[in-house]
């Protein structure tokens, strides 16, 4: 029988109510991979998840069988092709790519900065679509990256239009755009505006990011205009700003 650790793993401490412990632990393994750590060894995964190596090895075997991770020739592990398939299904489920990508390209052509579309995923936000700035110095967020929900222009917009409280979120709901410098990373600036669907509900956040030394507050206008055009193309409408 597997050894029971005296210290609960991260998955056990954050287990889903009524969920399955083994699934929580497997998802915990997937959660340790990131853009900065795309490949990890068994010892690294065990340390990051706070699980025994023997437990992690069994979980990796199941995840590998499902093509969610793949073992590299050097013994390290990386995310597998199954993740790509799931992302494609996830993106297609919104039926937004054919509308969003041209809007992002147009915004990048207009500003020469990076544009992206973020959606909320639990307590974080997912970069669902992105077009990079043509300039060599830029942020390097990629499609599929998960970012904090409570940091950065895109996350602030998602929180504001999901009912978050506080002066900042009240202002975002009133102005329907946010301009921030150094909120997520000191060297970056971001501008974001909400995009709404046919039912008036929030679909996501359209964001423009740039190095702080290239920040131009006037870019709030093209971002706002792009978000409104995108909302209109999706059959949505902007809500009336709340009365101050």
Foldseek 3Di string as FASTA:
>chain_A
DDDDDPDDWPLVVVPDVVDDSLVSLLVLLLVVDAPVRQKAALVRSCVSRVHDSVSSVVSVVVCVVVQQWDADPVRIIGGGPVVVVVLVVVLVVVVCPVLPVVLQVVLCVVPLFKKFWWDDDPQWIFGSDIDHRPDPDHDDDDHGHTGGLQFAQFSLQNCLLVPDDDPVSLVCLQVQKDWAACRRHNQKIKIWGFAAAQVRHTDTIMMTMGGPVPDDPVSNVSRVVSRQVSNVVRNHHHDHRDDD
